[in-house]
Amino acid sequence: MVVRHDGWLDAGDERVAIPTLRADDPLALAAGLQPLEPILEILAGATALVVFDWKGLGFEDAAAALLARHGLSRRTIVSTSVADALARFRKADPALSTGLTVPRLSRRLPPAPVVPALARRYGCQAVMLEKDFVSAGMCAAIRESGIGLFLWTAQTAAELDRLRRYQPDGIMTDAA
């Protein structure tokens, strides 16, 4: 579930800013956003690994404290493409694992060995790789580095089957 994903929406030729809303803000509730606390309470009672996809920079201390308060630190991977946010999460709660998200900023991906090297440089235990960047060579380089491999985002059963062939540690999906 996405509580807030991006700070903008591409609408044709125009990029529209999405206002930042707190989950308890009446506008957020009207927009269908749900408070994070009840979701974390449910996750606290489960055994699933939690991938906490973080966008931007700011409030890492508060987010880490919220995860810790629900006992989720040791089974959460905080993923982001922002190096400073990764460092802030690790400082706030050393029990959290971190993952380097390889964003869709361009259609060109660095050579396969560069991605796990960046993840190691930033102290990450995992790489979150967008489905369009998945290749046997990239997955092999990440695996050989000893870093976890997570793929995103499978929208269909066919995509899920295709991504499974790379034997990742996990596959993210928005599909119900």
Protein backbone atom coordinates (compact mmCIF):
# COMPACT_ATOMS: atom_id res chain seq x y z
CA MET A 1 0.00 0.00 0.00
CA VAL A 2 1.26 3.44 -0.85
CA VAL A 3 0.56 6.16 1.69
CA ARG A 4 2.24 8.84 -0.43
CA HIS A 5 4.35 7.94 -3.39
CA ASP A 6 5.56 10.88 -5.45
CA GLY A 7 5.60 14.63 -4.96
CA TRP A 8 4.22 15.25 -8.44
CA LEU A 9 1.90 13.92 -11.06
CA ASP A 10 2.65 14.06 -14.78
CA ALA A 11 -0.52 15.25 -16.51
CA GLY A 12 0.15 15.37 -20.22
CA ASP A 13 2.70 18.13 -20.83
CA GLU A 14 2.33 19.49 -17.33
CA ARG A 15 3.88 18.36 -14.03
CA VAL A 16 1.52 19.06 -11.12
CA ALA A 17 2.78 19.19 -7.54
CA ILE A 18 0.93 16.99 -5.06
CA PRO A 19 0.65 18.75 -1.71
CA THR A 20 2.23 17.03 1.26
CA LEU A 21 -0.52 15.85 3.57
CA ARG A 22 -0.34 14.38 7.03
CA ALA A 23 -2.38 11.21 7.37
CA ASP A 24 -4.60 12.83 10.03
CA ASP A 25 -5.20 15.95 7.90
CA PRO A 26 -8.85 16.20 6.77
CA LEU A 27 -7.68 16.70 3.17
CA ALA A 28 -5.61 13.51 3.38
CA LEU A 29 -8.57 11.58 4.72
CA ALA A 30 -10.79 13.01 1.98
CA ALA A 31 -8.18 11.95 -0.62
CA GLY A 32 -8.32 8.40 0.72
CA LEU A 33 -4.91 8.40 2.40
CA GLN A 34 -4.80 6.21 5.46
CA PRO A 35 -2.89 6.83 8.69
CA LEU A 36 0.29 4.76 8.87
CA GLU A 37 -0.14 3.66 12.51
CA PRO A 38 -2.94 1.10 11.88
CA ILE A 39 -0.99 -0.39 8.98
CA LEU A 40 2.14 -0.74 11.14
CA GLU A 41 0.04 -2.34 13.89
CA ILE A 42 -1.12 -4.98 11.42
CA LEU A 43 2.43 -5.55 10.19
CA ALA A 44 3.68 -5.83 13.77
CA GLY A 45 1.37 -8.82 14.27
CA ALA A 46 2.55 -10.52 11.08
CA THR A 47 5.83 -12.19 10.19
CA ALA A 48 6.34 -10.60 6.76
CA LEU A 49 9.41 -8.68 5.72
CA VAL A 50 8.54 -4.99 5.40
CA VAL A 51 9.94 -2.89 2.56
CA PHE A 52 9.49 0.74 3.56
CA ASP A 53 9.89 2.72 0.33
CA TRP A 54 11.02 6.21 1.30
CA LYS A 55 10.76 9.18 -1.04
CA GLY A 56 12.77 12.36 -0.57
CA LEU A 57 14.59 13.63 2.47
CA GLY A 58 13.27 14.62 5.88
CA PHE A 59 11.58 13.05 8.95
CA GLU A 60 13.82 9.93 8.88
CA ASP A 61 14.23 10.06 12.70
CA ALA A 62 10.46 10.10 13.19
CA ALA A 63 9.88 7.31 10.66
CA ALA A 64 12.61 5.14 12.24
CA ALA A 65 11.11 5.72 15.70
CA LEU A 66 7.67 4.77 14.41
CA LEU A 67 9.00 1.50 12.96
CA ALA A 68 10.88 0.76 16.20
CA ARG A 69 7.81 1.51 18.33
CA HIS A 70 5.98 -1.23 16.42
CA GLY A 71 8.86 -3.68 16.75
CA LEU A 72 9.56 -3.66 13.02
CA SER A 73 13.19 -2.50 12.94
CA ARG A 74 14.80 -5.92 12.53
CA ARG A 75 12.51 -7.02 9.69
CA THR A 76 12.27 -3.80 7.73
CA ILE A 77 14.32 -2.71 4.75
CA VAL A 78 14.11 1.03 4.20
CA SER A 79 14.65 1.65 0.50
CA THR A 80 15.37 4.92 -1.25
CA SER A 81 17.56 6.40 -3.94
CA VAL A 82 18.61 9.27 -1.63
CA ALA A 83 22.00 8.52 -0.03
CA ASP A 84 21.54 11.08 2.78
CA ALA A 85 18.20 9.52 3.75
CA LEU A 86 19.85 6.07 3.95
CA ALA A 87 22.51 7.48 6.27
CA ARG A 88 19.89 9.23 8.44
CA PHE A 89 17.85 6.02 8.81
CA ARG A 90 20.96 4.02 9.79
CA LYS A 91 21.93 6.67 12.33
CA ALA A 92 18.40 6.85 13.76
CA ASP A 93 18.09 3.06 14.11
CA PRO A 94 21.12 0.84 13.34
CA ALA A 95 18.84 -2.24 13.45
CA LEU A 96 17.17 -1.15 10.20
CA SER A 97 18.43 -2.65 6.96
CA THR A 98 18.66 -0.35 3.97
CA GLY A 99 18.18 -0.85 0.26
CA LEU A 100 19.35 1.25 -2.65
CA THR A 101 16.45 1.94 -4.99
CA VAL A 102 17.55 2.22 -8.61
CA PRO A 103 15.12 4.87 -9.85
CA ARG A 104 13.56 5.31 -13.26
CA LEU A 105 15.23 8.66 -13.87
CA SER A 106 16.47 7.63 -17.27
CA ARG A 107 16.35 4.62 -19.52
CA ARG A 108 20.10 4.12 -19.14
CA LEU A 109 21.41 2.06 -16.26
CA PRO A 110 25.03 2.08 -15.12
CA PRO A 111 27.10 -1.02 -15.96
CA ALA A 112 26.14 -4.04 -13.84
CA PRO A 113 29.11 -3.88 -11.39
CA VAL A 114 28.41 -0.22 -10.55
CA VAL A 115 25.03 -0.86 -8.92
CA PRO A 116 26.20 -3.25 -6.16
CA ALA A 117 29.30 -1.07 -5.65
CA LEU A 118 27.05 1.94 -5.00
CA ALA A 119 24.89 -0.11 -2.64
CA ARG A 120 27.99 -1.14 -0.66
CA ARG A 121 29.30 2.44 -0.66
CA TYR A 122 26.03 3.62 0.87
CA GLY A 123 26.01 0.77 3.43
CA CYS A 124 23.00 -1.00 1.92
CA GLN A 125 22.10 -4.65 2.37
CA ALA A 126 19.86 -4.76 -0.71
CA VAL A 127 19.20 -3.30 -4.15
CA MET A 128 15.67 -2.50 -5.31
CA LEU A 129 15.73 -2.77 -9.10
CA GLU A 130 12.94 -1.50 -11.36
CA LYS A 131 11.52 -4.21 -13.63
CA ASP A 132 12.62 -2.50 -16.85
CA PHE A 133 16.26 -2.62 -15.70
CA VAL A 134 16.25 -6.33 -14.90
CA SER A 135 18.75 -8.41 -16.84
CA ALA A 136 20.60 -11.64 -16.16
CA GLY A 137 23.89 -9.72 -16.00
CA MET A 138 22.61 -7.10 -13.56
CA CYS A 139 21.01 -9.70 -11.29
CA ALA A 140 24.19 -11.83 -11.36
CA ALA A 141 26.36 -8.84 -10.39
CA ILE A 142 24.09 -8.01 -7.47
CA ARG A 143 23.90 -11.66 -6.33
CA GLU A 144 27.70 -12.12 -6.59
CA SER A 145 28.18 -9.09 -4.36
CA GLY A 146 26.21 -10.78 -1.57
CA ILE A 147 23.61 -8.02 -1.55
CA GLY A 148 19.88 -8.80 -1.52
CA LEU A 149 17.91 -8.35 -4.73
CA PHE A 150 14.35 -7.02 -4.84
CA LEU A 151 12.46 -6.23 -8.04
CA TRP A 152 9.61 -3.75 -8.60
CA THR A 153 6.84 -3.41 -9.68
CA ALA A 154 5.04 -6.44 -11.13
CA GLN A 155 1.55 -5.42 -12.27
CA THR A 156 0.42 -8.64 -13.95
CA ALA A 157 0.79 -12.38 -13.46
CA ALA A 158 2.94 -12.51 -16.61
CA GLU A 159 5.31 -9.86 -15.21
CA LEU A 160 5.49 -11.70 -11.91
CA ASP A 161 6.39 -14.94 -13.70
CA ARG A 162 9.05 -13.17 -15.78
CA LEU A 163 10.63 -11.56 -12.71
CA ARG A 164 10.60 -14.83 -10.72
CA ARG A 165 13.03 -16.32 -13.25
CA TYR A 166 15.73 -13.99 -11.86
CA GLN A 167 15.28 -15.55 -8.40
CA PRO A 168 15.11 -12.32 -6.41
CA ASP A 169 14.70 -12.16 -2.67
CA GLY A 170 11.41 -10.39 -3.23
CA ILE A 171 9.12 -8.84 -5.83
CA MET A 172 7.01 -5.77 -5.11
CA THR A 173 3.56 -5.40 -6.66
CA ASP A 174 0.67 -2.97 -6.60
CA ALA A 175 -1.69 -5.62 -7.95
CA ALA A 176 -4.39 -6.96 -5.68
